[in-house]
Protein backbone atom coordinates (compact mmCIF):
# COMPACT_ATOMS: atom_id res chain seq x y z
CA MET A 1 -0.36 0.24 -0.12
CA LEU A 2 2.37 2.84 0.83
CA ASP A 3 4.17 1.15 -2.53
CA LEU A 4 1.01 2.26 -4.43
CA LEU A 5 0.25 5.46 -2.24
CA LEU A 6 3.61 7.14 -1.29
CA THR A 7 7.09 5.26 -2.98
CA GLY A 8 6.26 3.28 -5.42
CA PHE A 9 7.91 3.62 -9.13
CA TYR A 10 4.54 5.79 -10.20
CA LEU A 11 3.02 6.92 -6.81
CA THR A 12 -0.35 7.60 -6.49
CA ILE A 13 -0.17 10.41 -4.59
CA THR A 14 1.32 12.30 -7.54
CA TRP A 15 0.30 11.15 -10.66
CA MET A 16 -3.29 11.66 -9.65
CA SER A 17 -3.14 15.12 -9.28
CA PHE A 18 -2.51 14.88 -13.20
CA VAL A 19 -5.66 12.40 -13.61
CA VAL A 20 -7.80 14.97 -11.52
CA ALA A 21 -6.41 18.26 -13.02
CA GLY A 22 -7.56 16.38 -16.72
CA MET A 23 -10.98 15.85 -15.45
CA ALA A 24 -11.42 19.10 -14.09
CA LEU A 25 -11.07 20.55 -17.83
CA ALA A 26 -12.81 18.05 -19.50
CA ARG A 27 -15.54 19.23 -18.01
CA LEU A 28 -15.26 22.50 -19.11
CA ASP A 29 -16.08 24.40 -22.50
CA LEU A 30 -12.97 24.86 -24.14
CA SER A 31 -13.77 26.31 -27.18
CA ALA A 32 -15.44 28.96 -25.25
CA PRO A 33 -12.55 32.16 -25.28
CA THR A 34 -13.77 33.26 -21.55
CA VAL A 35 -12.52 29.61 -20.31
CA GLN A 36 -9.35 29.80 -22.55
CA ARG A 37 -8.29 33.27 -21.14
CA ARG A 38 -8.62 32.02 -17.75
CA LEU A 39 -6.98 28.97 -17.95
CA ALA A 40 -4.21 30.54 -19.88
CA ALA A 41 -3.67 32.78 -17.04
CA LEU A 42 -4.18 30.05 -14.67
CA GLY A 43 -1.41 27.88 -16.44
CA ALA A 44 1.43 30.42 -16.82
CA ALA A 45 0.82 31.51 -12.76
CA LEU A 46 0.80 27.44 -11.81
CA THR A 47 3.75 27.59 -14.33
CA VAL A 48 5.98 30.91 -13.47
CA GLY A 49 4.91 30.07 -9.99
CA ALA A 50 6.13 26.64 -9.53
CA TYR A 51 9.32 27.03 -10.86
CA GLY A 52 10.31 30.66 -9.87
CA LEU A 53 9.72 29.68 -6.24
CA SER A 54 12.06 26.89 -6.61
CA LEU A 55 14.66 28.48 -8.39
CA LEU A 56 14.73 31.17 -5.60
CA LEU A 57 14.48 28.10 -2.59
CA ALA A 58 16.69 25.73 -4.30
CA GLY A 59 19.13 27.78 -6.53
CA LYS A 60 20.31 27.47 -9.98
CA ASP A 61 20.41 23.91 -10.59
CA ALA A 62 16.85 22.86 -9.15
CA LEU A 63 15.21 22.45 -12.39
CA ARG A 64 17.89 20.84 -13.84
CA SER A 65 17.27 16.90 -14.44
CA ARG A 66 18.73 13.92 -12.66
CA ALA A 67 19.25 12.39 -16.04
CA GLU A 68 21.72 14.67 -16.50
CA ASP A 69 23.64 13.29 -14.21
CA GLY A 70 23.63 9.81 -14.80
CA THR A 71 21.14 9.46 -11.75
CA SER A 72 17.15 8.66 -11.86
CA SER A 73 14.16 9.71 -11.17
CA ALA A 74 12.32 10.10 -7.24
CA GLY A 75 9.98 7.54 -8.61
CA SER A 76 12.80 5.34 -10.18
CA GLU A 77 14.75 5.51 -6.81
CA ALA A 78 11.88 4.62 -4.65
CA ALA A 79 11.30 1.77 -6.84
CA SER A 80 14.64 0.53 -6.60
CA SER A 81 14.90 0.93 -2.83
CA ALA A 82 14.17 -1.95 -0.87
CA GLY A 83 14.08 -0.33 2.67
CA GLY A 84 10.93 1.70 0.75
CA THR A 85 11.82 5.04 3.59
CA PHE A 86 11.58 8.17 1.94
CA GLY A 87 15.26 9.59 3.99
CA SER A 88 17.04 6.86 1.86
CA HIS A 89 15.79 8.49 -1.28
CA GLY A 90 17.75 11.59 -1.05
CA ALA A 91 18.11 15.44 1.10
CA ALA A 92 15.02 16.81 2.69
CA SER A 93 16.04 19.80 0.48
CA ASP A 94 15.28 17.85 -2.92
CA LEU A 95 11.68 18.71 -1.91
CA LEU A 96 12.79 21.81 -3.35
CA SER A 97 13.46 21.17 -7.18
CA ALA A 98 11.22 21.28 -9.26
CA GLY A 99 13.74 19.09 -11.93
CA PRO A 100 11.98 16.80 -14.64
CA HIS A 101 10.01 13.51 -13.07
CA THR A 102 11.26 14.22 -9.27
CA GLY A 103 7.81 14.11 -8.40
CA THR A 104 7.76 17.06 -6.11
CA THR A 105 5.07 19.48 -5.13
CA PHE A 106 7.02 21.98 -7.51
CA ASP A 107 7.06 20.05 -10.69
CA VAL A 108 3.84 19.02 -10.20
CA ILE A 109 2.24 22.14 -10.31
CA GLY A 110 5.55 22.82 -12.76
CA SER A 111 3.88 20.31 -14.80
CA VAL A 112 0.22 20.76 -14.59
CA GLY A 113 0.58 24.77 -15.50
CA VAL A 114 2.73 23.38 -18.53
CA ALA A 115 0.01 21.00 -19.59
CA ILE A 116 -3.01 23.49 -19.65
CA LEU A 117 -1.17 26.09 -21.44
CA VAL A 118 -0.37 23.50 -23.84
CA ILE A 119 -4.20 22.42 -24.30
CA VAL A 120 -5.30 25.75 -24.55
CA GLY A 121 -2.72 26.56 -26.87
CA ALA A 122 -3.75 23.56 -29.06
CA THR A 123 -7.79 23.62 -28.61
CA VAL A 124 -6.82 27.62 -30.14
CA LEU A 125 -4.91 26.92 -32.90
CA MET A 126 -7.66 24.09 -34.04
CA ASP A 127 -10.38 26.57 -33.70
CA ARG A 128 -8.55 29.09 -36.01
CA LEU A 129 -6.07 26.77 -38.41
CA PRO A 130 -9.35 24.34 -39.87
CA ARG A 131 -6.20 22.76 -42.23
CA LEU A 132 -4.08 22.39 -39.70
CA ARG A 133 -7.18 20.38 -37.95
CA ARG A 134 -6.98 18.19 -40.67
CA LEU A 135 -3.47 17.63 -40.79
CA ALA A 136 -3.37 16.68 -36.82
CA GLY A 137 -5.90 14.21 -37.00
CA PRO A 138 -3.36 11.21 -36.52
CA VAL A 139 -2.18 13.12 -33.43
CA ILE A 140 -5.56 13.39 -32.28
CA ALA A 141 -6.63 10.06 -32.70
CA VAL A 142 -3.35 9.19 -30.17
CA GLY A 143 -5.33 11.73 -27.76
CA THR A 144 -8.72 9.93 -28.13
CA MET A 145 -6.78 6.45 -26.91
CA SER A 146 -3.59 7.97 -24.40
CA LEU A 147 -4.08 5.08 -22.41
CA THR A 148 -3.55 2.61 -25.11
CA ALA A 149 -0.67 4.41 -26.42
CA TYR A 150 0.72 4.55 -22.82
CA VAL A 151 0.43 1.14 -21.69
CA GLY A 152 1.09 0.02 -25.50
CA HIS A 153 4.52 1.77 -25.49
CA PHE A 154 5.86 -0.19 -22.01
CA LEU A 155 4.68 -3.63 -23.46
CA VAL A 156 6.55 -2.80 -26.74
CA GLN A 157 9.62 -1.64 -24.99
CA SER A 158 9.65 -5.14 -22.83
CA LEU A 159 9.19 -6.77 -26.19
CA LEU A 160 12.31 -5.35 -27.78
CA GLY A 161 14.42 -5.55 -24.60
CA VAL A 162 15.15 -2.06 -23.90
CA SER A 163 16.11 -0.73 -20.76
CA ALA A 164 13.57 2.48 -19.04
CA GLY A 165 15.22 5.44 -19.83
CA GLU A 166 18.22 3.83 -20.98
CA GLY A 167 18.01 4.30 -24.63
CA THR A 168 17.08 7.25 -25.33
CA GLN A 169 20.47 8.53 -23.82
CA THR A 170 22.36 7.06 -26.78
CA SER A 171 19.58 7.25 -29.55
CA TRP A 172 16.86 9.63 -30.53
CA ILE A 173 15.45 6.12 -32.66
CA PRO A 174 13.67 4.14 -30.26
CA VAL A 175 11.61 7.52 -28.76
CA LEU A 176 10.86 8.33 -33.05
CA LEU A 177 9.60 4.66 -33.51
CA PHE A 178 7.41 4.55 -30.65
CA ILE A 179 5.98 8.29 -31.53
CA LEU A 180 5.33 6.79 -34.98
CA GLY A 181 4.18 3.65 -33.80
CA ALA A 182 1.84 4.94 -31.29
CA ILE A 183 0.12 7.36 -34.39
CA VAL A 184 0.28 5.10 -37.17
CA PHE A 185 -1.82 2.56 -35.03
CA ALA A 186 -4.12 5.21 -33.29
CA ALA A 187 -4.79 6.59 -36.97
CA LEU A 188 -5.65 2.49 -38.28
CA TRP A 189 -7.44 1.99 -34.81
CA SER A 190 -9.62 4.97 -35.06
CA ARG A 191 -10.76 4.22 -38.77
CA PHE A 192 -12.64 0.91 -37.51
CA PHE A 193 -13.82 1.42 -33.85
CA ARG A 194 -15.06 4.55 -31.77
CA ARG A 195 -12.21 3.82 -28.91
CA GLY A 196 -9.41 2.19 -28.62
CA PRO A 197 -8.84 -0.81 -26.86
CA LEU A 198 -7.91 -0.45 -23.25
CA GLU A 199 -10.58 2.76 -23.14
CA ALA A 200 -13.42 0.48 -24.63
CA LEU A 201 -12.31 -2.28 -22.01
CA LEU A 202 -12.59 0.58 -19.18
CA ASN A 203 -15.95 1.46 -20.71
CA ALA A 204 -17.64 -1.86 -20.24
CA SER A 205 -15.94 -2.42 -16.76
CA THR A 206 -17.85 1.00 -15.48
CA LYS A 207 -21.11 0.60 -17.16
CA PRO A 208 -22.35 -1.70 -14.47
CA ALA A 209 -22.01 1.35 -11.74
CA GLN A 210 -24.99 2.49 -13.60
CA TYR A 211 -27.14 0.11 -11.70
CA ILE A 212 -25.58 0.72 -7.89
CA ARG A 213 -27.69 3.17 -6.36
């Protein structure tokens, strides 16, 4: 339970923040100009506030990726640690950093802010440039089955024997192949089915909930 919630490779307390933020955005009318302006302001405030405070409190290396030093992220450190205690994963001062995949409060808030800005920016572009929307069709298809794409890339990675976080340090080829494969698969699948494979399974598994009162 501790691994699932607090110290595992994908600790729930950290990653559910992104799930909840995504659910909140999905309930808004993202095509409304007023909503777009407010979200843009919110995203900018979260991004500047989180990363700015991290830089002020932790110094110039606050946003540095641990991968640059050849060390793993907070999540992978926790997964590889046998002790399971927070103290063995790093100094308390590390909580002030906001580097990629550190999983700190500043990292989570800043990442949510960046995600909001990207989503709002993409929505505005799609609304104003219809041709771009048609060209981006295959990428949009990946977005409709993001769970399948996310789980699928782990399965392919395991089948190909590529260790997590290692292949991309020496070559961009594995990453580019994963991206291209996801786009091609999603584009073809969406021609025949409304939902991705795992999305359809998840939808079917939640249907009995409508009979529960």
